[in-house]
Amino acid sequence: MFRRGLLVVAAMLLAWALDIPAFHLFADTARTEAGAVVVSRDIEGNDWYRLLRIMGFAGTWAAVALVFWLIDRQNPPTRLAGPAHPRPGFRAVLVLVSVVTAGLLAELIKLLVGRERPVDGLTYQGFEFKPFLAAFTGDGGNLGFVSSHTSTAFAGAAAIALLHPQARPVLMLLAAGCGASRMLAGAHWLSDVVGGAIIGVWAARVVYERMGGPVAGGFVSDPRRTPG
């Protein structure tokens, strides 16, 4: 636990140190005659961008949870070794609750920290913070830390990866792509994305443990089972 905490702190410190160069590396920026730096979001029309961004949409994971529920309702899952899990809806609930928890935490942190996005509209503004707790009194727009899209993407990906570790590389790559898509659009700093990823993975693991998930993953549909 202590080592994980150190890794989290180190990751955040490195991300904060790289925020400005990472922003200019990822975002498509240009300088106007007046000297302002503006961000182009033409990238948002690309299908691959939409695929990555939608990984951070709670509705995407709600659909995945529904698929799990329909499959498990028809053909209850069983462990690869050991007794079957007593709750067929475990996968669906895990994904949904993890995503909702991560999303709510991300939104709460935004309100508490009050750090704005790198841009105001489409104009680069650098590091800006709202007055302390001002977001709770009605000035809650344009908040960036942490990225709720990234939190949601990593929560859903981590929840499924806990049950199906074989799929972890693909899931985490898609979740990381969601974070990158937010930086490509100029909507977030690198530390917003890294913080969101940490929140998402943490939320999924806590929900998994609270639900009494097995220590090792490995749920599969047992073809020998038939609906009762």
C-alpha atoms as a PDB file:
ATOM      1  CA  MET A   1       0.000   0.000   0.000  1.00  0.00           C
ATOM      2  CA  PHE A   2       2.816   2.411   0.922  1.00  0.00           C
ATOM      3  CA  ARG A   3       4.658   1.640  -2.315  1.00  0.00           C
ATOM      4  CA  ARG A   4       1.517   2.249  -4.337  1.00  0.00           C
ATOM      5  CA  GLY A   5       1.048   5.577  -2.585  1.00  0.00           C
ATOM      6  CA  LEU A   6       4.583   6.608  -3.479  1.00  0.00           C
ATOM      7  CA  LEU A   7       4.010   5.639  -7.101  1.00  0.00           C
ATOM      8  CA  VAL A   8       0.816   7.702  -7.210  1.00  0.00           C
ATOM      9  CA  VAL A   9       2.574  10.742  -5.748  1.00  0.00           C
ATOM     10  CA  ALA A  10       5.513  10.335  -8.128  1.00  0.00           C
ATOM     11  CA  ALA A  11       3.196   9.997 -11.129  1.00  0.00           C
ATOM     12  CA  MET A  12       1.283  13.147 -10.199  1.00  0.00           C
ATOM     13  CA  LEU A  13       4.442  15.182  -9.562  1.00  0.00           C
ATOM     14  CA  LEU A  14       5.878  14.122 -12.917  1.00  0.00           C
ATOM     15  CA  ALA A  15       2.609  14.916 -14.679  1.00  0.00           C
ATOM     16  CA  TRP A  16       2.458  18.386 -13.107  1.00  0.00           C
ATOM     17  CA  ALA A  17       6.046  19.041 -14.172  1.00  0.00           C
ATOM     18  CA  LEU A  18       5.219  18.058 -17.751  1.00  0.00           C
ATOM     19  CA  ASP A  19       1.823  19.790 -17.992  1.00  0.00           C
ATOM     20  CA  ILE A  20       2.849  22.716 -20.188  1.00  0.00           C
ATOM     21  CA  PRO A  21       5.144  20.880 -22.631  1.00  0.00           C
ATOM     22  CA  ALA A  22       2.629  18.024 -22.898  1.00  0.00           C
ATOM     23  CA  PHE A  23      -0.170  20.482 -23.680  1.00  0.00           C
ATOM     24  CA  HIS A  24       1.760  22.042 -26.549  1.00  0.00           C
ATOM     25  CA  LEU A  25       2.821  18.605 -27.778  1.00  0.00           C
ATOM     26  CA  PHE A  26      -0.710  17.204 -27.918  1.00  0.00           C
ATOM     27  CA  ALA A  27      -2.952  20.180 -28.679  1.00  0.00           C
ATOM     28  CA  ASP A  28      -3.138  21.759 -32.135  1.00  0.00           C
ATOM     29  CA  THR A  29      -2.324  25.376 -31.300  1.00  0.00           C
ATOM     30  CA  ALA A  30      -1.708  28.546 -33.280  1.00  0.00           C
ATOM     31  CA  ARG A  31      -0.814  32.118 -32.316  1.00  0.00           C
ATOM     32  CA  THR A  32      -3.022  34.989 -33.466  1.00  0.00           C
ATOM     33  CA  GLU A  33      -1.822  38.417 -34.575  1.00  0.00           C
ATOM     34  CA  ALA A  34      -2.786  39.718 -31.153  1.00  0.00           C
ATOM     35  CA  GLY A  35      -0.429  37.199 -29.565  1.00  0.00           C
ATOM     36  CA  ALA A  36      -3.080  34.876 -28.106  1.00  0.00           C
ATOM     37  CA  VAL A  37      -2.648  31.108 -28.425  1.00  0.00           C
ATOM     38  CA  VAL A  38      -5.792  29.440 -29.750  1.00  0.00           C
ATOM     39  CA  VAL A  39      -6.632  25.742 -29.899  1.00  0.00           C
ATOM     40  CA  SER A  40      -8.161  24.012 -32.902  1.00  0.00           C
ATOM     41  CA  ARG A  41     -10.636  21.195 -32.244  1.00  0.00           C
ATOM     42  CA  ASP A  42     -10.991  19.957 -35.807  1.00  0.00           C
ATOM     43  CA  ILE A  43      -9.832  16.592 -34.517  1.00  0.00           C
ATOM     44  CA  GLU A  44     -13.190  16.039 -32.829  1.00  0.00           C
ATOM     45  CA  GLY A  45     -14.787  15.158 -36.168  1.00  0.00           C
ATOM     46  CA  ASN A  46     -12.650  12.032 -36.635  1.00  0.00           C
ATOM     47  CA  ASP A  47     -14.224   8.639 -35.973  1.00  0.00           C
ATOM     48  CA  TRP A  48     -11.180   7.351 -34.073  1.00  0.00           C
ATOM     49  CA  TYR A  49     -11.372  10.376 -31.782  1.00  0.00           C
ATOM     50  CA  ARG A  50     -15.050   9.720 -31.114  1.00  0.00           C
ATOM     51  CA  LEU A  51     -14.296   6.070 -30.353  1.00  0.00           C
ATOM     52  CA  LEU A  52     -11.711   7.031 -27.757  1.00  0.00           C
ATOM     53  CA  ARG A  53     -13.733   9.829 -26.190  1.00  0.00           C
ATOM     54  CA  ILE A  54     -16.860   7.705 -25.850  1.00  0.00           C
ATOM     55  CA  MET A  55     -14.866   5.398 -23.576  1.00  0.00           C
ATOM     56  CA  GLY A  56     -15.307   8.167 -21.023  1.00  0.00           C
ATOM     57  CA  PHE A  57     -19.094   8.288 -21.439  1.00  0.00           C
ATOM     58  CA  ALA A  58     -20.977   6.539 -18.634  1.00  0.00           C
ATOM     59  CA  GLY A  59     -23.616   5.390 -21.120  1.00  0.00           C
ATOM     60  CA  THR A  60     -21.007   3.290 -22.916  1.00  0.00           C
ATOM     61  CA  TRP A  61     -20.280   1.338 -19.772  1.00  0.00           C
ATOM     62  CA  ALA A  62     -23.969   1.108 -18.891  1.00  0.00           C
ATOM     63  CA  ALA A  63     -24.440  -0.666 -22.228  1.00  0.00           C
ATOM     64  CA  VAL A  64     -21.518  -2.987 -21.418  1.00  0.00           C
ATOM     65  CA  ALA A  65     -23.060  -3.712 -18.000  1.00  0.00           C
ATOM     66  CA  LEU A  66     -26.374  -4.527 -19.652  1.00  0.00           C
ATOM     67  CA  VAL A  67     -24.641  -6.968 -22.006  1.00  0.00           C
ATOM     68  CA  PHE A  68     -22.981  -8.684 -19.035  1.00  0.00           C
ATOM     69  CA  TRP A  69     -26.303  -8.886 -17.205  1.00  0.00           C
ATOM     70  CA  LEU A  70     -28.098 -10.409 -20.183  1.00  0.00           C
ATOM     71  CA  ILE A  71     -25.329 -12.971 -20.716  1.00  0.00           C
ATOM     72  CA  ASP A  72     -25.081 -13.938 -17.048  1.00  0.00           C
ATOM     73  CA  ARG A  73     -28.840 -14.091 -16.651  1.00  0.00           C
ATOM     74  CA  GLN A  74     -29.036 -16.635 -19.465  1.00  0.00           C
ATOM     75  CA  ASN A  75     -25.853 -18.511 -18.616  1.00  0.00           C
ATOM     76  CA  PRO A  76     -24.525 -17.808 -15.076  1.00  0.00           C
ATOM     77  CA  PRO A  77     -20.734 -17.352 -14.827  1.00  0.00           C
ATOM     78  CA  THR A  78     -18.438 -19.709 -12.984  1.00  0.00           C
ATOM     79  CA  ARG A  79     -14.894 -19.399 -11.743  1.00  0.00           C
ATOM     80  CA  LEU A  80     -12.179 -21.097 -13.785  1.00  0.00           C
ATOM     81  CA  ALA A  81     -11.279 -22.836 -10.520  1.00  0.00           C
ATOM     82  CA  GLY A  82     -13.202 -23.116  -7.294  1.00  0.00           C
ATOM     83  CA  PRO A  83     -16.887 -22.504  -6.554  1.00  0.00           C
ATOM     84  CA  ALA A  84     -19.081 -20.350  -8.762  1.00  0.00           C
ATOM     85  CA  HIS A  85     -19.777 -16.817  -7.655  1.00  0.00           C
ATOM     86  CA  PRO A  86     -23.254 -16.791  -6.023  1.00  0.00           C
ATOM     87  CA  ARG A  87     -24.393 -13.581  -7.759  1.00  0.00           C
ATOM     88  CA  PRO A  88     -24.843 -13.839 -11.547  1.00  0.00           C
ATOM     89  CA  GLY A  89     -25.209 -10.040 -11.814  1.00  0.00           C
ATOM     90  CA  PHE A  90     -21.799  -9.403 -10.246  1.00  0.00           C
ATOM     91  CA  ARG A  91     -20.087  -8.291 -13.469  1.00  0.00           C
ATOM     92  CA  ALA A  92     -22.838  -5.888 -14.478  1.00  0.00           C
ATOM     93  CA  VAL A  93     -23.086  -4.269 -11.050  1.00  0.00           C
ATOM     94  CA  LEU A  94     -19.313  -4.016 -10.700  1.00  0.00           C
ATOM     95  CA  VAL A  95     -18.900  -2.158 -13.981  1.00  0.00           C
ATOM     96  CA  LEU A  96     -21.820   0.185 -13.399  1.00  0.00           C
ATOM     97  CA  VAL A  97     -21.047   1.046  -9.776  1.00  0.00           C
ATOM     98  CA  SER A  98     -17.338   1.518 -10.518  1.00  0.00           C
ATOM     99  CA  VAL A  99     -18.060   3.956 -13.331  1.00  0.00           C
ATOM    100  CA  VAL A 100     -20.636   5.939 -11.362  1.00  0.00           C
ATOM    101  CA  THR A 101     -18.367   6.104  -8.306  1.00  0.00           C
ATOM    102  CA  ALA A 102     -15.376   7.301 -10.328  1.00  0.00           C
ATOM    103  CA  GLY A 103     -17.435   9.872 -12.204  1.00  0.00           C
ATOM    104  CA  LEU A 104     -18.932  11.342  -9.041  1.00  0.00           C
ATOM    105  CA  LEU A 105     -15.540  11.461  -7.336  1.00  0.00           C
ATOM    106  CA  ALA A 106     -14.019  13.236 -10.325  1.00  0.00           C
ATOM    107  CA  GLU A 107     -16.767  15.851 -10.344  1.00  0.00           C
ATOM    108  CA  LEU A 108     -16.415  16.404  -6.587  1.00  0.00           C
ATOM    109  CA  ILE A 109     -12.643  16.846  -6.880  1.00  0.00           C
ATOM    110  CA  LYS A 110     -13.179  19.376  -9.660  1.00  0.00           C
ATOM    111  CA  LEU A 111     -15.381  21.449  -7.394  1.00  0.00           C
ATOM    112  CA  LEU A 112     -12.965  21.210  -4.451  1.00  0.00           C
ATOM    113  CA  VAL A 113      -9.751  21.981  -6.362  1.00  0.00           C
ATOM    114  CA  GLY A 114     -11.184  24.562  -8.746  1.00  0.00           C
ATOM    115  CA  ARG A 115      -8.416  24.314 -11.346  1.00  0.00           C
ATOM    116  CA  GLU A 116      -9.597  25.394 -14.777  1.00  0.00           C
ATOM    117  CA  ARG A 117      -8.939  23.798 -18.142  1.00  0.00           C
ATOM    118  CA  PRO A 118      -5.888  24.920 -20.127  1.00  0.00           C
ATOM    119  CA  VAL A 119      -8.158  26.963 -22.383  1.00  0.00           C
ATOM    120  CA  ASP A 120     -10.967  29.438 -21.853  1.00  0.00           C
ATOM    121  CA  GLY A 121     -13.215  28.857 -24.811  1.00  0.00           C
ATOM    122  CA  LEU A 122     -10.502  28.124 -27.377  1.00  0.00           C
ATOM    123  CA  THR A 123      -7.878  30.525 -26.018  1.00  0.00           C
ATOM    124  CA  TYR A 124      -4.943  29.174 -24.025  1.00  0.00           C
ATOM    125  CA  GLN A 125      -4.882  30.623 -20.510  1.00  0.00           C
ATOM    126  CA  GLY A 126      -2.253  28.573 -18.699  1.00  0.00           C
ATOM    127  CA  PHE A 127      -2.758  27.641 -15.054  1.00  0.00           C
ATOM    128  CA  GLU A 128      -5.820  29.311 -13.583  1.00  0.00           C
ATOM    129  CA  PHE A 129      -7.682  28.511 -10.374  1.00  0.00           C
ATOM    130  CA  LYS A 130     -11.071  29.699  -9.232  1.00  0.00           C
ATOM    131  CA  PRO A 131     -11.305  31.237  -5.742  1.00  0.00           C
ATOM    132  CA  PHE A 132     -11.432  28.579  -3.029  1.00  0.00           C
ATOM    133  CA  LEU A 133     -14.797  26.752  -3.046  1.00  0.00           C
ATOM    134  CA  ALA A 134     -16.185  29.248  -5.577  1.00  0.00           C
ATOM    135  CA  ALA A 135     -17.326  26.292  -7.705  1.00  0.00           C
ATOM    136  CA  PHE A 136     -19.833  25.416  -4.978  1.00  0.00           C
ATOM    137  CA  THR A 137     -21.422  28.859  -5.154  1.00  0.00           C
ATOM    138  CA  GLY A 138     -22.309  28.849  -8.834  1.00  0.00           C
ATOM    139  CA  ASP A 139     -18.970  29.451 -10.566  1.00  0.00           C
ATOM    140  CA  GLY A 140     -18.439  25.808 -11.525  1.00  0.00           C
ATOM    141  CA  GLY A 141     -17.754  26.048 -15.248  1.00  0.00           C
ATOM    142  CA  ASN A 142     -14.598  25.160 -17.208  1.00  0.00           C
ATOM    143  CA  LEU A 143     -13.140  22.940 -14.477  1.00  0.00           C
ATOM    144  CA  GLY A 144     -10.447  20.484 -15.489  1.00  0.00           C
ATOM    145  CA  PHE A 145      -8.854  18.658 -12.539  1.00  0.00           C
ATOM    146  CA  VAL A 146      -9.469  15.768 -12.653  1.00  0.00           C
ATOM    147  CA  SER A 147     -10.682  14.587 -16.061  1.00  0.00           C
ATOM    148  CA  SER A 148     -14.034  12.893 -15.472  1.00  0.00           C
ATOM    149  CA  HIS A 149     -13.915  11.296 -18.943  1.00  0.00           C
ATOM    150  CA  THR A 150     -10.601   9.655 -18.057  1.00  0.00           C
ATOM    151  CA  SER A 151     -11.854   8.596 -14.615  1.00  0.00           C
ATOM    152  CA  THR A 152     -14.896   6.956 -16.168  1.00  0.00           C
ATOM    153  CA  ALA A 153     -12.870   5.220 -18.880  1.00  0.00           C
ATOM    154  CA  PHE A 154     -10.332   3.778 -16.455  1.00  0.00           C
ATOM    155  CA  ALA A 155     -12.996   2.729 -13.943  1.00  0.00           C
ATOM    156  CA  GLY A 156     -14.871   0.716 -16.558  1.00  0.00           C
ATOM    157  CA  ALA A 157     -11.692  -0.748 -18.020  1.00  0.00           C
ATOM    158  CA  ALA A 158     -10.225  -1.636 -14.624  1.00  0.00           C
ATOM    159  CA  ALA A 159     -13.474  -3.227 -13.427  1.00  0.00           C
ATOM    160  CA  ILE A 160     -13.576  -5.608 -16.380  1.00  0.00           C
ATOM    161  CA  ALA A 161      -9.819  -6.233 -16.198  1.00  0.00           C
ATOM    162  CA  LEU A 162     -10.204  -7.403 -12.590  1.00  0.00           C
ATOM    163  CA  LEU A 163     -12.532 -10.142 -13.818  1.00  0.00           C
ATOM    164  CA  HIS A 164     -10.905 -10.806 -17.178  1.00  0.00           C
ATOM    165  CA  PRO A 165      -7.173 -10.062 -16.866  1.00  0.00           C
ATOM    166  CA  GLN A 166      -6.541 -11.406 -20.367  1.00  0.00           C
ATOM    167  CA  ALA A 167      -8.328  -8.350 -21.749  1.00  0.00           C
ATOM    168  CA  ARG A 168      -6.401  -5.849 -19.609  1.00  0.00           C
ATOM    169  CA  PRO A 169      -3.944  -4.624 -22.319  1.00  0.00           C
ATOM    170  CA  VAL A 170      -6.736  -3.733 -24.758  1.00  0.00           C
ATOM    171  CA  LEU A 171      -8.940  -2.183 -22.091  1.00  0.00           C
ATOM    172  CA  MET A 172      -6.181  -0.045 -20.611  1.00  0.00           C
ATOM    173  CA  LEU A 173      -5.019   1.052 -24.059  1.00  0.00           C
ATOM    174  CA  LEU A 174      -8.532   2.261 -24.874  1.00  0.00           C
ATOM    175  CA  ALA A 175      -8.817   4.034 -21.509  1.00  0.00           C
ATOM    176  CA  ALA A 176      -5.451   5.725 -22.031  1.00  0.00           C
ATOM    177  CA  GLY A 177      -6.619   6.692 -25.513  1.00  0.00           C
ATOM    178  CA  CYS A 178      -9.617   8.413 -23.949  1.00  0.00           C
ATOM    179  CA  GLY A 179      -7.296  10.512 -21.799  1.00  0.00           C
ATOM    180  CA  ALA A 180      -5.113  11.303 -24.803  1.00  0.00           C
ATOM    181  CA  SER A 181      -8.170  12.373 -26.795  1.00  0.00           C
ATOM    182  CA  ARG A 182      -8.997  14.981 -24.142  1.00  0.00           C
ATOM    183  CA  MET A 183      -5.469  16.360 -24.375  1.00  0.00           C
ATOM    184  CA  LEU A 184      -5.572  16.373 -28.170  1.00  0.00           C
ATOM    185  CA  ALA A 185      -8.687  18.534 -27.950  1.00  0.00           C
ATOM    186  CA  GLY A 186      -6.860  20.917 -25.606  1.00  0.00           C
ATOM    187  CA  ALA A 187      -9.441  20.267 -22.903  1.00  0.00           C
ATOM    188  CA  HIS A 188      -7.135  18.934 -20.187  1.00  0.00           C
ATOM    189  CA  TRP A 189      -3.650  19.081 -18.750  1.00  0.00           C
ATOM    190  CA  LEU A 190      -1.602  15.895 -18.479  1.00  0.00           C
ATOM    191  CA  SER A 191      -2.066  15.941 -14.691  1.00  0.00           C
ATOM    192  CA  ASP A 192      -5.856  16.110 -15.175  1.00  0.00           C
ATOM    193  CA  VAL A 193      -5.649  12.889 -17.157  1.00  0.00           C
ATOM    194  CA  VAL A 194      -3.206  11.110 -14.848  1.00  0.00           C
ATOM    195  CA  GLY A 195      -5.293  12.087 -11.821  1.00  0.00           C
ATOM    196  CA  GLY A 196      -8.423  10.844 -13.550  1.00  0.00           C
ATOM    197  CA  ALA A 197      -6.774   7.509 -14.348  1.00  0.00           C
ATOM    198  CA  ILE A 198      -5.727   7.060 -10.721  1.00  0.00           C
ATOM    199  CA  ILE A 199      -9.237   7.822  -9.467  1.00  0.00           C
ATOM    200  CA  GLY A 200     -10.791   5.425 -11.973  1.00  0.00           C
ATOM    201  CA  VAL A 201      -8.547   2.467 -11.162  1.00  0.00           C
ATOM    202  CA  TRP A 202      -8.849   3.114  -7.424  1.00  0.00           C
ATOM    203  CA  ALA A 203     -12.649   3.308  -7.594  1.00  0.00           C
ATOM    204  CA  ALA A 204     -12.914   0.033  -9.514  1.00  0.00           C
ATOM    205  CA  ARG A 205     -10.652  -1.794  -7.069  1.00  0.00           C
ATOM    206  CA  VAL A 206     -12.484  -0.474  -3.991  1.00  0.00           C
ATOM    207  CA  VAL A 207     -15.894  -1.366  -5.422  1.00  0.00           C
ATOM    208  CA  TYR A 208     -14.598  -4.805  -6.412  1.00  0.00           C
ATOM    209  CA  GLU A 209     -13.331  -5.491  -2.900  1.00  0.00           C
ATOM    210  CA  ARG A 210     -16.470  -4.104  -1.233  1.00  0.00           C
ATOM    211  CA  MET A 211     -18.591  -6.386  -3.385  1.00  0.00           C
ATOM    212  CA  GLY A 212     -16.593  -9.382  -2.189  1.00  0.00           C
ATOM    213  CA  GLY A 213     -14.934 -10.121  -5.507  1.00  0.00           C
ATOM    214  CA  PRO A 214     -12.562 -13.082  -5.650  1.00  0.00           C
ATOM    215  CA  VAL A 215      -8.883 -12.350  -5.191  1.00  0.00           C
ATOM    216  CA  ALA A 216      -8.079 -13.658  -8.673  1.00  0.00           C
ATOM    217  CA  GLY A 217     -10.069 -12.832 -11.781  1.00  0.00           C
ATOM    218  CA  GLY A 218     -11.345 -15.315 -14.283  1.00  0.00           C
ATOM    219  CA  PHE A 219     -15.084 -15.370 -14.843  1.00  0.00           C
ATOM    220  CA  VAL A 220     -16.276 -17.300 -17.867  1.00  0.00           C
ATOM    221  CA  SER A 221     -19.590 -18.516 -19.151  1.00  0.00           C
ATOM    222  CA  ASP A 222     -19.967 -22.217 -18.507  1.00  0.00           C
ATOM    223  CA  PRO A 223     -21.462 -23.874 -21.607  1.00  0.00           C
ATOM    224  CA  ARG A 224     -22.525 -26.855 -19.510  1.00  0.00           C
ATOM    225  CA  ARG A 225     -25.001 -24.716 -17.606  1.00  0.00           C
ATOM    226  CA  THR A 226     -28.520 -24.211 -18.807  1.00  0.00           C
ATOM    227  CA  PRO A 227     -31.079 -21.739 -17.473  1.00  0.00           C
ATOM    228  CA  GLY A 228     -33.014 -23.167 -14.588  1.00  0.00           C
END
